[in-house]
């Protein structure tokens, strides 16, 4: 804590970087996982392809993806995209099954009622299917967000990574307080992000609590 208080500006600087490198992949991955999850919930063939592929992608070490990304997409090694792209992949790998399972769990009688009322597919998805799938979807999003916050630090290996820089500098200079500062920041950020998503989920799905 002493290092944080004495280096407040630096701590906020790496916090901002860590937050950006965590949230951008979550938002992008979530946006991609919605249509993929919807497709998987409607097609057994899609599930047979997407689920094993997601499992394989998630088992690839983050270090390997971060190192190979600049080679594959042709950007500079210090570009933040080298951390963002692998984390988008991990987010999609985590979220596609959550979204698919959530949409598949929407009661058939509710879907039938919406169809009988003349709801077109897009309108039904936006106003019926997806809202009812939110509790499970947000649960998956919480896991993906906390995972991303922890994995961003690996970006320090290529000169990025927010709190990961504090870990690297601390180990190189035997500065324990720097390492602890990075650890504290990572844990606090993960807890706050998880709590925020939990609150958002409760605000968006008041009926879920009422039904308990």
C-alpha atoms as a PDB file:
ATOM      1  CA  UNK A   1       0.000   0.000   0.000  1.00  0.00           C
ATOM      2  CA  UNK A   2       2.894   2.366   0.695  1.00  0.00           C
ATOM      3  CA  UNK A   3       4.083   2.205  -2.915  1.00  0.00           C
ATOM      4  CA  UNK A   4       0.572   2.953  -4.195  1.00  0.00           C
ATOM      5  CA  UNK A   5       0.249   6.027  -1.970  1.00  0.00           C
ATOM      6  CA  UNK A   6       3.690   7.312  -2.932  1.00  0.00           C
ATOM      7  CA  UNK A   7       3.198   6.645  -6.670  1.00  0.00           C
ATOM      8  CA  UNK A   8      -0.484   7.450  -7.063  1.00  0.00           C
ATOM      9  CA  UNK A   9      -0.220   8.926 -10.569  1.00  0.00           C
ATOM     10  CA  UNK A  10       1.724   5.933 -11.912  1.00  0.00           C
ATOM     11  CA  UNK A  11      -0.730   3.542 -10.287  1.00  0.00           C
ATOM     12  CA  UNK A  12      -3.696   5.287 -11.903  1.00  0.00           C
ATOM     13  CA  UNK A  13      -1.876   5.268 -15.235  1.00  0.00           C
ATOM     14  CA  UNK A  14      -1.376   1.487 -15.242  1.00  0.00           C
ATOM     15  CA  UNK A  15      -4.909   1.040 -13.879  1.00  0.00           C
ATOM     16  CA  UNK A  16      -6.341   2.936 -16.857  1.00  0.00           C
ATOM     17  CA  UNK A  17      -4.315   0.809 -19.279  1.00  0.00           C
ATOM     18  CA  UNK A  18      -5.317  -2.413 -17.521  1.00  0.00           C
ATOM     19  CA  UNK A  19      -8.971  -1.424 -17.524  1.00  0.00           C
ATOM     20  CA  UNK A  20      -8.934  -0.512 -21.214  1.00  0.00           C
ATOM     21  CA  UNK A  21      -7.172  -3.734 -22.219  1.00  0.00           C
ATOM     22  CA  UNK A  22      -9.714  -5.718 -20.189  1.00  0.00           C
ATOM     23  CA  UNK A  23     -12.999  -4.041 -21.117  1.00  0.00           C
ATOM     24  CA  UNK A  24     -12.506  -3.558 -24.873  1.00  0.00           C
ATOM     25  CA  UNK A  25     -12.051  -7.321 -25.513  1.00  0.00           C
ATOM     26  CA  UNK A  26     -15.023  -8.126 -23.269  1.00  0.00           C
ATOM     27  CA  UNK A  27     -17.312  -5.770 -25.189  1.00  0.00           C
ATOM     28  CA  UNK A  28     -16.068  -6.953 -28.593  1.00  0.00           C
ATOM     29  CA  UNK A  29     -16.166 -10.622 -27.604  1.00  0.00           C
ATOM     30  CA  UNK A  30     -19.644 -10.283 -26.121  1.00  0.00           C
ATOM     31  CA  UNK A  31     -20.921  -8.634 -29.303  1.00  0.00           C
ATOM     32  CA  UNK A  32     -19.488 -11.468 -31.404  1.00  0.00           C
ATOM     33  CA  UNK A  33     -20.741 -14.218 -29.108  1.00  0.00           C
ATOM     34  CA  UNK A  34     -24.397 -13.132 -29.322  1.00  0.00           C
ATOM     35  CA  UNK A  35     -24.957 -14.052 -33.013  1.00  0.00           C
ATOM     36  CA  UNK A  36     -22.692 -17.102 -32.686  1.00  0.00           C
ATOM     37  CA  UNK A  37     -24.532 -18.248 -29.567  1.00  0.00           C
ATOM     38  CA  UNK A  38     -27.891 -17.663 -31.225  1.00  0.00           C
ATOM     39  CA  UNK A  39     -26.791 -19.710 -34.236  1.00  0.00           C
ATOM     40  CA  UNK A  40     -25.535 -22.509 -31.966  1.00  0.00           C
ATOM     41  CA  UNK A  41     -28.813 -22.551 -30.029  1.00  0.00           C
ATOM     42  CA  UNK A  42     -30.718 -23.097 -33.278  1.00  0.00           C
ATOM     43  CA  UNK A  43     -28.463 -25.604 -35.024  1.00  0.00           C
ATOM     44  CA  UNK A  44     -26.993 -28.889 -33.807  1.00  0.00           C
ATOM     45  CA  UNK A  45     -24.428 -28.734 -36.612  1.00  0.00           C
ATOM     46  CA  UNK A  46     -23.341 -25.268 -35.481  1.00  0.00           C
ATOM     47  CA  UNK A  47     -22.947 -26.536 -31.910  1.00  0.00           C
ATOM     48  CA  UNK A  48     -20.903 -29.482 -33.159  1.00  0.00           C
ATOM     49  CA  UNK A  49     -18.454 -27.034 -34.741  1.00  0.00           C
ATOM     50  CA  UNK A  50     -18.511 -24.007 -32.429  1.00  0.00           C
ATOM     51  CA  UNK A  51     -18.320 -25.725 -29.038  1.00  0.00           C
ATOM     52  CA  UNK A  52     -15.249 -27.913 -29.743  1.00  0.00           C
ATOM     53  CA  UNK A  53     -13.584 -24.981 -31.514  1.00  0.00           C
ATOM     54  CA  UNK A  54     -14.232 -22.742 -28.510  1.00  0.00           C
ATOM     55  CA  UNK A  55     -12.774 -25.385 -26.195  1.00  0.00           C
ATOM     56  CA  UNK A  56      -9.628 -25.669 -28.314  1.00  0.00           C
ATOM     57  CA  UNK A  57      -9.143 -21.900 -28.528  1.00  0.00           C
ATOM     58  CA  UNK A  58      -9.498 -21.500 -24.774  1.00  0.00           C
ATOM     59  CA  UNK A  59      -6.786 -24.107 -24.121  1.00  0.00           C
ATOM     60  CA  UNK A  60      -4.195 -22.175 -26.153  1.00  0.00           C
ATOM     61  CA  UNK A  61      -1.842 -20.398 -23.692  1.00  0.00           C
ATOM     62  CA  UNK A  62      -2.386 -16.643 -23.653  1.00  0.00           C
ATOM     63  CA  UNK A  63       1.369 -16.094 -23.936  1.00  0.00           C
ATOM     64  CA  UNK A  64       1.453 -17.978 -27.234  1.00  0.00           C
ATOM     65  CA  UNK A  65      -1.444 -15.991 -28.698  1.00  0.00           C
ATOM     66  CA  UNK A  66      -0.022 -12.640 -27.600  1.00  0.00           C
ATOM     67  CA  UNK A  67       3.385 -13.452 -29.096  1.00  0.00           C
ATOM     68  CA  UNK A  68       2.026 -14.754 -32.407  1.00  0.00           C
ATOM     69  CA  UNK A  69      -0.664 -12.078 -32.950  1.00  0.00           C
ATOM     70  CA  UNK A  70       1.671  -9.360 -34.342  1.00  0.00           C
ATOM     71  CA  UNK A  71       3.081 -11.900 -36.797  1.00  0.00           C
ATOM     72  CA  UNK A  72      -0.374 -12.953 -37.985  1.00  0.00           C
ATOM     73  CA  UNK A  73      -1.944  -9.503 -38.371  1.00  0.00           C
ATOM     74  CA  UNK A  74       1.185  -7.508 -39.165  1.00  0.00           C
ATOM     75  CA  UNK A  75       1.202  -4.856 -36.442  1.00  0.00           C
ATOM     76  CA  UNK A  76       3.979  -3.542 -34.210  1.00  0.00           C
ATOM     77  CA  UNK A  77       4.826  -5.596 -31.147  1.00  0.00           C
ATOM     78  CA  UNK A  78       3.891  -2.737 -28.776  1.00  0.00           C
ATOM     79  CA  UNK A  79       0.457  -2.179 -30.310  1.00  0.00           C
ATOM     80  CA  UNK A  80      -2.343  -2.810 -27.791  1.00  0.00           C
ATOM     81  CA  UNK A  81      -4.168  -4.852 -30.434  1.00  0.00           C
ATOM     82  CA  UNK A  82      -1.707  -7.669 -29.647  1.00  0.00           C
ATOM     83  CA  UNK A  83      -3.370  -8.075 -26.254  1.00  0.00           C
ATOM     84  CA  UNK A  84      -6.903  -7.183 -27.343  1.00  0.00           C
ATOM     85  CA  UNK A  85      -7.195  -9.779 -30.138  1.00  0.00           C
ATOM     86  CA  UNK A  86      -6.241 -12.812 -27.992  1.00  0.00           C
ATOM     87  CA  UNK A  87      -8.571 -11.667 -25.218  1.00  0.00           C
ATOM     88  CA  UNK A  88     -11.430 -11.236 -27.699  1.00  0.00           C
ATOM     89  CA  UNK A  89     -10.819 -14.835 -28.757  1.00  0.00           C
ATOM     90  CA  UNK A  90     -10.907 -16.018 -25.139  1.00  0.00           C
ATOM     91  CA  UNK A  91     -14.069 -14.019 -24.447  1.00  0.00           C
ATOM     92  CA  UNK A  92     -15.871 -15.520 -27.436  1.00  0.00           C
ATOM     93  CA  UNK A  93     -14.648 -18.990 -26.467  1.00  0.00           C
ATOM     94  CA  UNK A  94     -16.120 -18.519 -22.987  1.00  0.00           C
ATOM     95  CA  UNK A  95     -19.307 -16.725 -23.976  1.00  0.00           C
ATOM     96  CA  UNK A  96     -20.566 -18.618 -27.018  1.00  0.00           C
ATOM     97  CA  UNK A  97     -21.689 -21.618 -24.957  1.00  0.00           C
ATOM     98  CA  UNK A  98     -23.200 -19.388 -22.248  1.00  0.00           C
ATOM     99  CA  UNK A  99     -25.251 -17.443 -24.781  1.00  0.00           C
ATOM    100  CA  UNK A 100     -26.318 -20.611 -26.585  1.00  0.00           C
ATOM    101  CA  UNK A 101     -27.373 -22.361 -23.371  1.00  0.00           C
ATOM    102  CA  UNK A 102     -29.200 -19.253 -22.164  1.00  0.00           C
ATOM    103  CA  UNK A 103     -31.187 -18.886 -25.383  1.00  0.00           C
ATOM    104  CA  UNK A 104     -31.929 -22.608 -25.563  1.00  0.00           C
ATOM    105  CA  UNK A 105     -33.356 -22.436 -22.030  1.00  0.00           C
ATOM    106  CA  UNK A 106     -36.037 -19.881 -22.954  1.00  0.00           C
ATOM    107  CA  UNK A 107     -39.368 -21.702 -22.340  1.00  0.00           C
ATOM    108  CA  UNK A 108     -41.012 -22.987 -25.496  1.00  0.00           C
ATOM    109  CA  UNK A 109     -44.455 -21.798 -24.399  1.00  0.00           C
ATOM    110  CA  UNK A 110     -43.133 -18.240 -24.115  1.00  0.00           C
ATOM    111  CA  UNK A 111     -41.703 -18.419 -27.625  1.00  0.00           C
ATOM    112  CA  UNK A 112     -44.965 -19.883 -28.934  1.00  0.00           C
ATOM    113  CA  UNK A 113     -46.957 -17.104 -27.261  1.00  0.00           C
ATOM    114  CA  UNK A 114     -44.731 -14.424 -28.794  1.00  0.00           C
ATOM    115  CA  UNK A 115     -45.081 -16.021 -32.225  1.00  0.00           C
ATOM    116  CA  UNK A 116     -48.859 -16.177 -31.811  1.00  0.00           C
ATOM    117  CA  UNK A 117     -48.892 -12.473 -31.009  1.00  0.00           C
ATOM    118  CA  UNK A 118     -47.251 -11.774 -34.358  1.00  0.00           C
ATOM    119  CA  UNK A 119     -43.694 -11.071 -33.175  1.00  0.00           C
ATOM    120  CA  UNK A 120     -41.191 -11.196 -36.005  1.00  0.00           C
ATOM    121  CA  UNK A 121     -37.938 -13.105 -35.286  1.00  0.00           C
ATOM    122  CA  UNK A 122     -35.783 -10.019 -34.665  1.00  0.00           C
ATOM    123  CA  UNK A 123     -38.367  -8.323 -32.470  1.00  0.00           C
ATOM    124  CA  UNK A 124     -38.941 -11.522 -30.521  1.00  0.00           C
ATOM    125  CA  UNK A 125     -35.209 -11.950 -29.983  1.00  0.00           C
ATOM    126  CA  UNK A 126     -34.752  -8.384 -28.727  1.00  0.00           C
ATOM    127  CA  UNK A 127     -37.852  -8.200 -26.539  1.00  0.00           C
ATOM    128  CA  UNK A 128     -38.441 -11.799 -25.425  1.00  0.00           C
ATOM    129  CA  UNK A 129     -35.624 -14.295 -26.015  1.00  0.00           C
ATOM    130  CA  UNK A 130     -32.599 -12.214 -25.092  1.00  0.00           C
ATOM    131  CA  UNK A 131     -34.107 -10.539 -21.994  1.00  0.00           C
ATOM    132  CA  UNK A 132     -35.101 -13.965 -20.636  1.00  0.00           C
ATOM    133  CA  UNK A 133     -31.598 -15.258 -21.393  1.00  0.00           C
ATOM    134  CA  UNK A 134     -29.894 -12.377 -19.568  1.00  0.00           C
ATOM    135  CA  UNK A 135     -29.369 -14.043 -16.154  1.00  0.00           C
ATOM    136  CA  UNK A 136     -27.327 -16.915 -17.616  1.00  0.00           C
ATOM    137  CA  UNK A 137     -25.661 -14.641 -20.171  1.00  0.00           C
ATOM    138  CA  UNK A 138     -24.533 -12.142 -17.539  1.00  0.00           C
ATOM    139  CA  UNK A 139     -23.227 -14.980 -15.372  1.00  0.00           C
ATOM    140  CA  UNK A 140     -21.011 -16.004 -18.285  1.00  0.00           C
ATOM    141  CA  UNK A 141     -20.030 -12.389 -18.898  1.00  0.00           C
ATOM    142  CA  UNK A 142     -18.907 -12.061 -15.278  1.00  0.00           C
ATOM    143  CA  UNK A 143     -16.603 -15.056 -15.675  1.00  0.00           C
ATOM    144  CA  UNK A 144     -15.199 -13.703 -18.955  1.00  0.00           C
ATOM    145  CA  UNK A 145     -14.607 -10.247 -17.477  1.00  0.00           C
ATOM    146  CA  UNK A 146     -12.770 -11.497 -14.393  1.00  0.00           C
ATOM    147  CA  UNK A 147     -10.709 -13.860 -16.579  1.00  0.00           C
ATOM    148  CA  UNK A 148      -9.729 -11.012 -18.882  1.00  0.00           C
ATOM    149  CA  UNK A 149      -8.703  -8.774 -16.005  1.00  0.00           C
ATOM    150  CA  UNK A 150      -6.387 -11.494 -14.725  1.00  0.00           C
ATOM    151  CA  UNK A 151      -4.944 -12.362 -18.162  1.00  0.00           C
ATOM    152  CA  UNK A 152      -4.171  -8.789 -19.251  1.00  0.00           C
ATOM    153  CA  UNK A 153      -1.037  -8.862 -17.090  1.00  0.00           C
ATOM    154  CA  UNK A 154       0.503 -11.398 -19.478  1.00  0.00           C
ATOM    155  CA  UNK A 155       0.780  -8.511 -21.955  1.00  0.00           C
ATOM    156  CA  UNK A 156       3.747  -7.258 -19.927  1.00  0.00           C
ATOM    157  CA  UNK A 157       5.804  -9.830 -21.831  1.00  0.00           C
ATOM    158  CA  UNK A 158       5.502  -7.637 -24.938  1.00  0.00           C
ATOM    159  CA  UNK A 159       5.765  -4.321 -23.093  1.00  0.00           C
ATOM    160  CA  UNK A 160       2.050  -3.913 -22.389  1.00  0.00           C
ATOM    161  CA  UNK A 161      -0.301  -5.233 -19.765  1.00  0.00           C
ATOM    162  CA  UNK A 162      -1.193  -2.564 -17.207  1.00  0.00           C
ATOM    163  CA  UNK A 163      -0.552  -4.097 -13.793  1.00  0.00           C
ATOM    164  CA  UNK A 164       1.638  -6.680 -15.494  1.00  0.00           C
ATOM    165  CA  UNK A 165       4.267  -3.974 -15.866  1.00  0.00           C
ATOM    166  CA  UNK A 166       4.357  -3.625 -12.092  1.00  0.00           C
ATOM    167  CA  UNK A 167       4.845  -7.389 -11.752  1.00  0.00           C
ATOM    168  CA  UNK A 168       7.700  -7.366 -14.263  1.00  0.00           C
ATOM    169  CA  UNK A 169       9.416  -4.311 -12.781  1.00  0.00           C
ATOM    170  CA  UNK A 170       8.952  -5.638  -9.259  1.00  0.00           C
ATOM    171  CA  UNK A 171      10.510  -9.013 -10.041  1.00  0.00           C
ATOM    172  CA  UNK A 172      13.391  -7.468 -12.002  1.00  0.00           C
ATOM    173  CA  UNK A 173      14.296  -5.029  -9.208  1.00  0.00           C
ATOM    174  CA  UNK A 174      13.278  -7.243  -6.269  1.00  0.00           C
ATOM    175  CA  UNK A 175      10.700  -4.594  -5.335  1.00  0.00           C
ATOM    176  CA  UNK A 176       8.051  -6.571  -3.460  1.00  0.00           C
ATOM    177  CA  UNK A 177       5.742  -3.587  -2.947  1.00  0.00           C
ATOM    178  CA  UNK A 178       5.416  -3.084  -6.704  1.00  0.00           C
ATOM    179  CA  UNK A 179       4.377  -6.697  -7.128  1.00  0.00           C
ATOM    180  CA  UNK A 180       1.875  -6.357  -4.285  1.00  0.00           C
ATOM    181  CA  UNK A 181       0.523  -3.137  -5.817  1.00  0.00           C
ATOM    182  CA  UNK A 182      -0.137  -4.953  -9.089  1.00  0.00           C
ATOM    183  CA  UNK A 183      -1.733  -7.861  -7.261  1.00  0.00           C
ATOM    184  CA  UNK A 184      -3.961  -5.579  -5.178  1.00  0.00           C
ATOM    185  CA  UNK A 185      -4.980  -3.604  -8.259  1.00  0.00           C
ATOM    186  CA  UNK A 186      -5.872  -6.753 -10.195  1.00  0.00           C
ATOM    187  CA  UNK A 187      -7.956  -8.212  -7.365  1.00  0.00           C
ATOM    188  CA  UNK A 188      -9.769  -4.941  -6.616  1.00  0.00           C
ATOM    189  CA  UNK A 189     -10.497  -4.329 -10.304  1.00  0.00           C
ATOM    190  CA  UNK A 190     -11.843  -7.869 -10.731  1.00  0.00           C
ATOM    191  CA  UNK A 191     -14.061  -7.593  -7.643  1.00  0.00           C
ATOM    192  CA  UNK A 192     -15.419  -4.188  -8.697  1.00  0.00           C
ATOM    193  CA  UNK A 193     -16.116  -5.339 -12.266  1.00  0.00           C
ATOM    194  CA  UNK A 194     -17.839  -8.494 -11.043  1.00  0.00           C
ATOM    195  CA  UNK A 195     -19.926  -6.508  -8.566  1.00  0.00           C
ATOM    196  CA  UNK A 196     -20.902  -3.984 -11.230  1.00  0.00           C
ATOM    197  CA  UNK A 197     -22.047  -6.712 -13.622  1.00  0.00           C
ATOM    198  CA  UNK A 198     -23.965  -8.397 -10.813  1.00  0.00           C
ATOM    199  CA  UNK A 199     -25.737  -5.107 -10.077  1.00  0.00           C
ATOM    200  CA  UNK A 200     -26.477  -4.502 -13.766  1.00  0.00           C
ATOM    201  CA  UNK A 201     -27.883  -8.011 -14.041  1.00  0.00           C
ATOM    202  CA  UNK A 202     -30.202  -7.456 -11.090  1.00  0.00           C
ATOM    203  CA  UNK A 203     -31.384  -4.112 -12.448  1.00  0.00           C
ATOM    204  CA  UNK A 204     -32.094  -5.580 -15.893  1.00  0.00           C
ATOM    205  CA  UNK A 205     -33.834  -8.709 -14.595  1.00  0.00           C
ATOM    206  CA  UNK A 206     -35.931  -7.758 -11.532  1.00  0.00           C
ATOM    207  CA  UNK A 207     -38.367 -10.528 -12.458  1.00  0.00           C
ATOM    208  CA  UNK A 208     -35.632 -13.130 -11.893  1.00  0.00           C
ATOM    209  CA  UNK A 209     -35.463 -12.261  -8.176  1.00  0.00           C
ATOM    210  CA  UNK A 210     -39.232 -11.935  -7.856  1.00  0.00           C
ATOM    211  CA  UNK A 211     -39.653 -15.466  -9.127  1.00  0.00           C
ATOM    212  CA  UNK A 212     -37.478 -16.978  -6.382  1.00  0.00           C
END
